[in-house]
Amino acid sequence: MRKRSILIAGHSTSVSLEDAFWAELKSIAAARGQSLNQLAEEIDRDRSGNLSSALRVFVLSELRR
């Protein structure tokens, strides 16, 4: 588990995720031509639960495609 700070809508927030999820998020962001912060902001806009869970669910959804 690794805690990192990400910038969402101009505000810094800390998120704890396993290294595998951080690696996939970076890979997905790069494939889309986005920064990790931009991708996290996009996921944050659509989430209904907590951010860590939303990031994990997003990664799993992308891997199933």
PDB file of N, CA and C in Angstrom:
ATOM      1  N   MET A   1       0.860  -1.171   0.000  1.00  0.00           N
ATOM      2  CA  MET A   1       0.000   0.000   0.000  1.00  0.00           C
ATOM      3  C   MET A   1       0.906   1.233   0.000  1.00  0.00           C
ATOM      4  N   ARG A   2       0.594   2.151  -0.891  1.00  0.00           N
ATOM      5  CA  ARG A   2       1.388   3.372  -0.985  1.00  0.00           C
ATOM      6  C   ARG A   2       0.445   4.573  -0.988  1.00  0.00           C
ATOM      7  N   LYS A   3       0.765   5.555  -0.173  1.00  0.00           N
ATOM      8  CA  LYS A   3      -0.020   6.791  -0.104  1.00  0.00           C
ATOM      9  C   LYS A   3       0.656   7.840  -0.972  1.00  0.00           C
ATOM     10  N   ARG A   4      -0.155   8.470  -1.837  1.00  0.00           N
ATOM     11  CA  ARG A   4       0.366   9.520  -2.711  1.00  0.00           C
ATOM     12  C   ARG A   4      -0.583  10.698  -2.699  1.00  0.00           C
ATOM     13  N   SER A   5      -0.034  11.852  -2.969  1.00  0.00           N
ATOM     14  CA  SER A   5      -0.852  13.060  -3.096  1.00  0.00           C
ATOM     15  C   SER A   5      -1.147  13.284  -4.566  1.00  0.00           C
ATOM     16  N   ILE A   6      -2.406  13.555  -4.858  1.00  0.00           N
ATOM     17  CA  ILE A   6      -2.801  13.891  -6.219  1.00  0.00           C
ATOM     18  C   ILE A   6      -3.584  15.192  -6.177  1.00  0.00           C
ATOM     19  N   LEU A   7      -3.566  15.890  -7.281  1.00  0.00           N
ATOM     20  CA  LEU A   7      -4.229  17.186  -7.378  1.00  0.00           C
ATOM     21  C   LEU A   7      -5.537  17.018  -8.139  1.00  0.00           C
ATOM     22  N   ILE A   8      -6.638  17.357  -7.475  1.00  0.00           N
ATOM     23  CA  ILE A   8      -7.962  17.268  -8.086  1.00  0.00           C
ATOM     24  C   ILE A   8      -8.648  18.612  -7.915  1.00  0.00           C
ATOM     25  N   ALA A   9      -9.014  19.212  -9.033  1.00  0.00           N
ATOM     26  CA  ALA A   9      -9.696  20.514  -9.031  1.00  0.00           C
ATOM     27  C   ALA A   9      -8.926  21.547  -8.204  1.00  0.00           C
ATOM     28  N   GLY A  10      -7.597  21.515  -8.332  1.00  0.00           N
ATOM     29  CA  GLY A  10      -6.768  22.486  -7.644  1.00  0.00           C
ATOM     30  C   GLY A  10      -6.500  22.207  -6.180  1.00  0.00           C
ATOM     31  N   HIS A  11      -6.989  21.068  -5.679  1.00  0.00           N
ATOM     32  CA  HIS A  11      -6.792  20.713  -4.275  1.00  0.00           C
ATOM     33  C   HIS A  11      -6.003  19.417  -4.175  1.00  0.00           C
ATOM     34  N   SER A  12      -5.034  19.399  -3.280  1.00  0.00           N
ATOM     35  CA  SER A  12      -4.236  18.204  -3.057  1.00  0.00           C
ATOM     36  C   SER A  12      -4.983  17.256  -2.126  1.00  0.00           C
ATOM     37  N   THR A  13      -5.028  15.992  -2.499  1.00  0.00           N
ATOM     38  CA  THR A  13      -5.663  14.986  -1.659  1.00  0.00           C
ATOM     39  C   THR A  13      -4.774  13.752  -1.615  1.00  0.00           C
ATOM     40  N   SER A  14      -4.756  13.060  -0.493  1.00  0.00           N
ATOM     41  CA  SER A  14      -3.946  11.857  -0.339  1.00  0.00           C
ATOM     42  C   SER A  14      -4.797  10.630  -0.608  1.00  0.00           C
ATOM     43  N   VAL A  15      -4.220   9.702  -1.359  1.00  0.00           N
ATOM     44  CA  VAL A  15      -4.911   8.465  -1.708  1.00  0.00           C
ATOM     45  C   VAL A  15      -3.966   7.305  -1.441  1.00  0.00           C
ATOM     46  N   SER A  16      -4.484   6.268  -0.794  1.00  0.00           N
ATOM     47  CA  SER A  16      -3.707   5.057  -0.538  1.00  0.00           C
ATOM     48  C   SER A  16      -4.192   3.941  -1.451  1.00  0.00           C
ATOM     49  N   LEU A  17      -3.271   3.407  -2.246  1.00  0.00           N
ATOM     50  CA  LEU A  17      -3.570   2.289  -3.147  1.00  0.00           C
ATOM     51  C   LEU A  17      -2.377   1.342  -3.179  1.00  0.00           C
ATOM     52  N   GLU A  18      -2.635   0.123  -3.574  1.00  0.00           N
ATOM     53  CA  GLU A  18      -1.576  -0.847  -3.782  1.00  0.00           C
ATOM     54  C   GLU A  18      -0.750  -0.425  -4.999  1.00  0.00           C
ATOM     55  N   ASP A  19       0.535  -0.811  -4.997  1.00  0.00           N
ATOM     56  CA  ASP A  19       1.442  -0.428  -6.087  1.00  0.00           C
ATOM     57  C   ASP A  19       0.918  -0.846  -7.463  1.00  0.00           C
ATOM     58  N   ALA A  20       0.290  -2.014  -7.547  1.00  0.00           N
ATOM     59  CA  ALA A  20      -0.229  -2.493  -8.833  1.00  0.00           C
ATOM     60  C   ALA A  20      -1.289  -1.542  -9.392  1.00  0.00           C
ATOM     61  N   PHE A  21      -2.130  -0.982  -8.527  1.00  0.00           N
ATOM     62  CA  PHE A  21      -3.149  -0.041  -8.987  1.00  0.00           C
ATOM     63  C   PHE A  21      -2.516   1.274  -9.440  1.00  0.00           C
ATOM     64  N   TRP A  22      -1.513   1.762  -8.706  1.00  0.00           N
ATOM     65  CA  TRP A  22      -0.825   2.986  -9.132  1.00  0.00           C
ATOM     66  C   TRP A  22      -0.188   2.780 -10.507  1.00  0.00           C
ATOM     67  N   ALA A  23       0.447   1.626 -10.696  1.00  0.00           N
ATOM     68  CA  ALA A  23       1.109   1.345 -11.970  1.00  0.00           C
ATOM     69  C   ALA A  23       0.102   1.320 -13.120  1.00  0.00           C
ATOM     70  N   GLU A  24      -1.035   0.679 -12.910  1.00  0.00           N
ATOM     71  CA  GLU A  24      -2.060   0.616 -13.962  1.00  0.00           C
ATOM     72  C   GLU A  24      -2.658   1.989 -14.244  1.00  0.00           C
ATOM     73  N   LEU A  25      -2.905   2.768 -13.203  1.00  0.00           N
ATOM     74  CA  LEU A  25      -3.441   4.115 -13.411  1.00  0.00           C
ATOM     75  C   LEU A  25      -2.484   4.958 -14.246  1.00  0.00           C
ATOM     76  N   LYS A  26      -1.197   4.878 -13.952  1.00  0.00           N
ATOM     77  CA  LYS A  26      -0.202   5.624 -14.732  1.00  0.00           C
ATOM     78  C   LYS A  26      -0.184   5.160 -16.181  1.00  0.00           C
ATOM     79  N   SER A  27      -0.281   3.852 -16.377  1.00  0.00           N
ATOM     80  CA  SER A  27      -0.281   3.285 -17.722  1.00  0.00           C
ATOM     81  C   SER A  27      -1.516   3.722 -18.511  1.00  0.00           C
ATOM     82  N   ILE A  28      -2.674   3.674 -17.885  1.00  0.00           N
ATOM     83  CA  ILE A  28      -3.920   4.090 -18.533  1.00  0.00           C
ATOM     84  C   ILE A  28      -3.859   5.577 -18.879  1.00  0.00           C
ATOM     85  N   ALA A  29      -3.391   6.385 -17.934  1.00  0.00           N
ATOM     86  CA  ALA A  29      -3.282   7.826 -18.177  1.00  0.00           C
ATOM     87  C   ALA A  29      -2.353   8.103 -19.361  1.00  0.00           C
ATOM     88  N   ALA A  30      -1.220   7.433 -19.400  1.00  0.00           N
ATOM     89  CA  ALA A  30      -0.263   7.632 -20.493  1.00  0.00           C
ATOM     90  C   ALA A  30      -0.874   7.234 -21.834  1.00  0.00           C
ATOM     91  N   ALA A  31      -1.602   6.130 -21.858  1.00  0.00           N
ATOM     92  CA  ALA A  31      -2.235   5.666 -23.097  1.00  0.00           C
ATOM     93  C   ALA A  31      -3.278   6.659 -23.597  1.00  0.00           C
ATOM     94  N   ARG A  32      -3.880   7.405 -22.684  1.00  0.00           N
ATOM     95  CA  ARG A  32      -4.896   8.400 -23.045  1.00  0.00           C
ATOM     96  C   ARG A  32      -4.293   9.787 -23.282  1.00  0.00           C
ATOM     97  N   GLY A  33      -2.998   9.913 -23.074  1.00  0.00           N
ATOM     98  CA  GLY A  33      -2.354  11.212 -23.227  1.00  0.00           C
ATOM     99  C   GLY A  33      -2.685  12.164 -22.091  1.00  0.00           C
ATOM    100  N   GLN A  34      -2.947  11.602 -20.914  1.00  0.00           N
ATOM    101  CA  GLN A  34      -3.301  12.402 -19.740  1.00  0.00           C
ATOM    102  C   GLN A  34      -2.248  12.237 -18.656  1.00  0.00           C
ATOM    103  N   SER A  35      -2.246  13.174 -17.734  1.00  0.00           N
ATOM    104  CA  SER A  35      -1.447  13.001 -16.526  1.00  0.00           C
ATOM    105  C   SER A  35      -2.267  12.162 -15.544  1.00  0.00           C
ATOM    106  N   LEU A  36      -1.611  11.649 -14.539  1.00  0.00           N
ATOM    107  CA  LEU A  36      -2.319  10.896 -13.503  1.00  0.00           C
ATOM    108  C   LEU A  36      -3.348  11.789 -12.814  1.00  0.00           C
ATOM    109  N   ASN A  37      -2.992  13.043 -12.570  1.00  0.00           N
ATOM    110  CA  ASN A  37      -3.933  13.979 -11.943  1.00  0.00           C
ATOM    111  C   ASN A  37      -5.166  14.207 -12.813  1.00  0.00           C
ATOM    112  N   GLN A  38      -4.976  14.334 -14.116  1.00  0.00           N
ATOM    113  CA  GLN A  38      -6.121  14.535 -15.015  1.00  0.00           C
ATOM    114  C   GLN A  38      -7.047  13.323 -15.005  1.00  0.00           C
ATOM    115  N   LEU A  39      -6.469  12.138 -15.042  1.00  0.00           N
ATOM    116  CA  LEU A  39      -7.273  10.920 -15.006  1.00  0.00           C
ATOM    117  C   LEU A  39      -8.020  10.811 -13.682  1.00  0.00           C
ATOM    118  N   ALA A  40      -7.336  11.086 -12.578  1.00  0.00           N
ATOM    119  CA  ALA A  40      -7.978  11.015 -11.260  1.00  0.00           C
ATOM    120  C   ALA A  40      -9.116  12.024 -11.152  1.00  0.00           C
ATOM    121  N   GLU A  41      -8.936  13.192 -11.733  1.00  0.00           N
ATOM    122  CA  GLU A  41      -9.987  14.212 -11.705  1.00  0.00           C
ATOM    123  C   GLU A  41     -11.216  13.744 -12.489  1.00  0.00           C
ATOM    124  N   GLU A  42     -10.977  13.096 -13.615  1.00  0.00           N
ATOM    125  CA  GLU A  42     -12.074  12.544 -14.423  1.00  0.00           C
ATOM    126  C   GLU A  42     -12.837  11.465 -13.635  1.00  0.00           C
ATOM    127  N   ILE A  43     -12.101  10.584 -12.986  1.00  0.00           N
ATOM    128  CA  ILE A  43     -12.719   9.518 -12.191  1.00  0.00           C
ATOM    129  C   ILE A  43     -13.467  10.117 -11.010  1.00  0.00           C
ATOM    130  N   ASP A  44     -12.888  11.132 -10.394  1.00  0.00           N
ATOM    131  CA  ASP A  44     -13.506  11.790  -9.238  1.00  0.00           C
ATOM    132  C   ASP A  44     -14.863  12.393  -9.594  1.00  0.00           C
ATOM    133  N   ARG A  45     -14.982  12.968 -10.777  1.00  0.00           N
ATOM    134  CA  ARG A  45     -16.254  13.582 -11.202  1.00  0.00           C
ATOM    135  C   ARG A  45     -17.388  12.568 -11.275  1.00  0.00           C
ATOM    136  N   ASP A  46     -17.054  11.323 -11.623  1.00  0.00           N
ATOM    137  CA  ASP A  46     -18.078  10.299 -11.836  1.00  0.00           C
ATOM    138  C   ASP A  46     -18.309   9.382 -10.636  1.00  0.00           C
ATOM    139  N   ARG A  47     -17.572   9.564  -9.573  1.00  0.00           N
ATOM    140  CA  ARG A  47     -17.651   8.595  -8.468  1.00  0.00           C
ATOM    141  C   ARG A  47     -18.829   8.852  -7.550  1.00  0.00           C
ATOM    142  N   SER A  48     -19.254   7.770  -6.872  1.00  0.00           N
ATOM    143  CA  SER A  48     -20.312   7.895  -5.870  1.00  0.00           C
ATOM    144  C   SER A  48     -19.794   7.517  -4.487  1.00  0.00           C
ATOM    145  N   GLY A  49     -18.729   6.711  -4.410  1.00  0.00           N
ATOM    146  CA  GLY A  49     -18.145   6.302  -3.132  1.00  0.00           C
ATOM    147  C   GLY A  49     -16.856   7.046  -2.869  1.00  0.00           C
ATOM    148  N   ASN A  50     -15.974   6.416  -2.093  1.00  0.00           N
ATOM    149  CA  ASN A  50     -14.704   7.086  -1.798  1.00  0.00           C
ATOM    150  C   ASN A  50     -13.749   6.985  -2.991  1.00  0.00           C
ATOM    151  N   LEU A  51     -12.803   7.877  -3.038  1.00  0.00           N
ATOM    152  CA  LEU A  51     -11.924   7.997  -4.198  1.00  0.00           C
ATOM    153  C   LEU A  51     -11.053   6.763  -4.397  1.00  0.00           C
ATOM    154  N   SER A  52     -10.497   6.215  -3.336  1.00  0.00           N
ATOM    155  CA  SER A  52      -9.650   5.022  -3.472  1.00  0.00           C
ATOM    156  C   SER A  52     -10.415   3.880  -4.126  1.00  0.00           C
ATOM    157  N   SER A  53     -11.623   3.655  -3.672  1.00  0.00           N
ATOM    158  CA  SER A  53     -12.451   2.591  -4.255  1.00  0.00           C
ATOM    159  C   SER A  53     -12.776   2.890  -5.708  1.00  0.00           C
ATOM    160  N   ALA A  54     -13.099   4.138  -6.005  1.00  0.00           N
ATOM    161  CA  ALA A  54     -13.424   4.519  -7.380  1.00  0.00           C
ATOM    162  C   ALA A  54     -12.232   4.288  -8.308  1.00  0.00           C
ATOM    163  N   LEU A  55     -11.030   4.588  -7.841  1.00  0.00           N
ATOM    164  CA  LEU A  55      -9.835   4.367  -8.650  1.00  0.00           C
ATOM    165  C   LEU A  55      -9.620   2.878  -8.905  1.00  0.00           C
ATOM    166  N   ARG A  56      -9.804   2.056  -7.881  1.00  0.00           N
ATOM    167  CA  ARG A  56      -9.653   0.602  -8.047  1.00  0.00           C
ATOM    168  C   ARG A  56     -10.682   0.046  -9.032  1.00  0.00           C
ATOM    169  N   VAL A  57     -11.931   0.445  -8.872  1.00  0.00           N
ATOM    170  CA  VAL A  57     -12.995  -0.035  -9.759  1.00  0.00           C
ATOM    171  C   VAL A  57     -12.720   0.396 -11.197  1.00  0.00           C
ATOM    172  N   PHE A  58     -12.252   1.617 -11.380  1.00  0.00           N
ATOM    173  CA  PHE A  58     -11.917   2.106 -12.715  1.00  0.00           C
ATOM    174  C   PHE A  58     -10.844   1.229 -13.355  1.00  0.00           C
ATOM    175  N   VAL A  59      -9.778   0.936 -12.612  1.00  0.00           N
ATOM    176  CA  VAL A  59      -8.696   0.096 -13.144  1.00  0.00           C
ATOM    177  C   VAL A  59      -9.236  -1.274 -13.536  1.00  0.00           C
ATOM    178  N   LEU A  60     -10.017  -1.883 -12.669  1.00  0.00           N
ATOM    179  CA  LEU A  60     -10.564  -3.207 -12.977  1.00  0.00           C
ATOM    180  C   LEU A  60     -11.453  -3.160 -14.217  1.00  0.00           C
ATOM    181  N   SER A  61     -12.244  -2.119 -14.345  1.00  0.00           N
ATOM    182  CA  SER A  61     -13.110  -1.968 -15.521  1.00  0.00           C
ATOM    183  C   SER A  61     -12.285  -1.837 -16.796  1.00  0.00           C
ATOM    184  N   GLU A  62     -11.214  -1.064 -16.729  1.00  0.00           N
ATOM    185  CA  GLU A  62     -10.351  -0.883 -17.900  1.00  0.00           C
ATOM    186  C   GLU A  62      -9.647  -2.181 -18.283  1.00  0.00           C
ATOM    187  N   LEU A  63      -9.239  -2.962 -17.300  1.00  0.00           N
ATOM    188  CA  LEU A  63      -8.539  -4.215 -17.582  1.00  0.00           C
ATOM    189  C   LEU A  63      -9.469  -5.262 -18.186  1.00  0.00           C
ATOM    190  N   ARG A  64     -10.752  -5.146 -17.941  1.00  0.00           N
ATOM    191  CA  ARG A  64     -11.731  -6.096 -18.494  1.00  0.00           C
ATOM    192  C   ARG A  64     -12.069  -5.809 -19.946  1.00  0.00           C
ATOM    193  N   ARG A  65     -11.704  -4.654 -20.454  1.00  0.00           N
ATOM    194  CA  ARG A  65     -12.014  -4.288 -21.848  1.00  0.00           C
ATOM    195  C   ARG A  65     -11.212  -5.103 -22.818  1.00  0.00           C
TER     196      ARG A  65
END
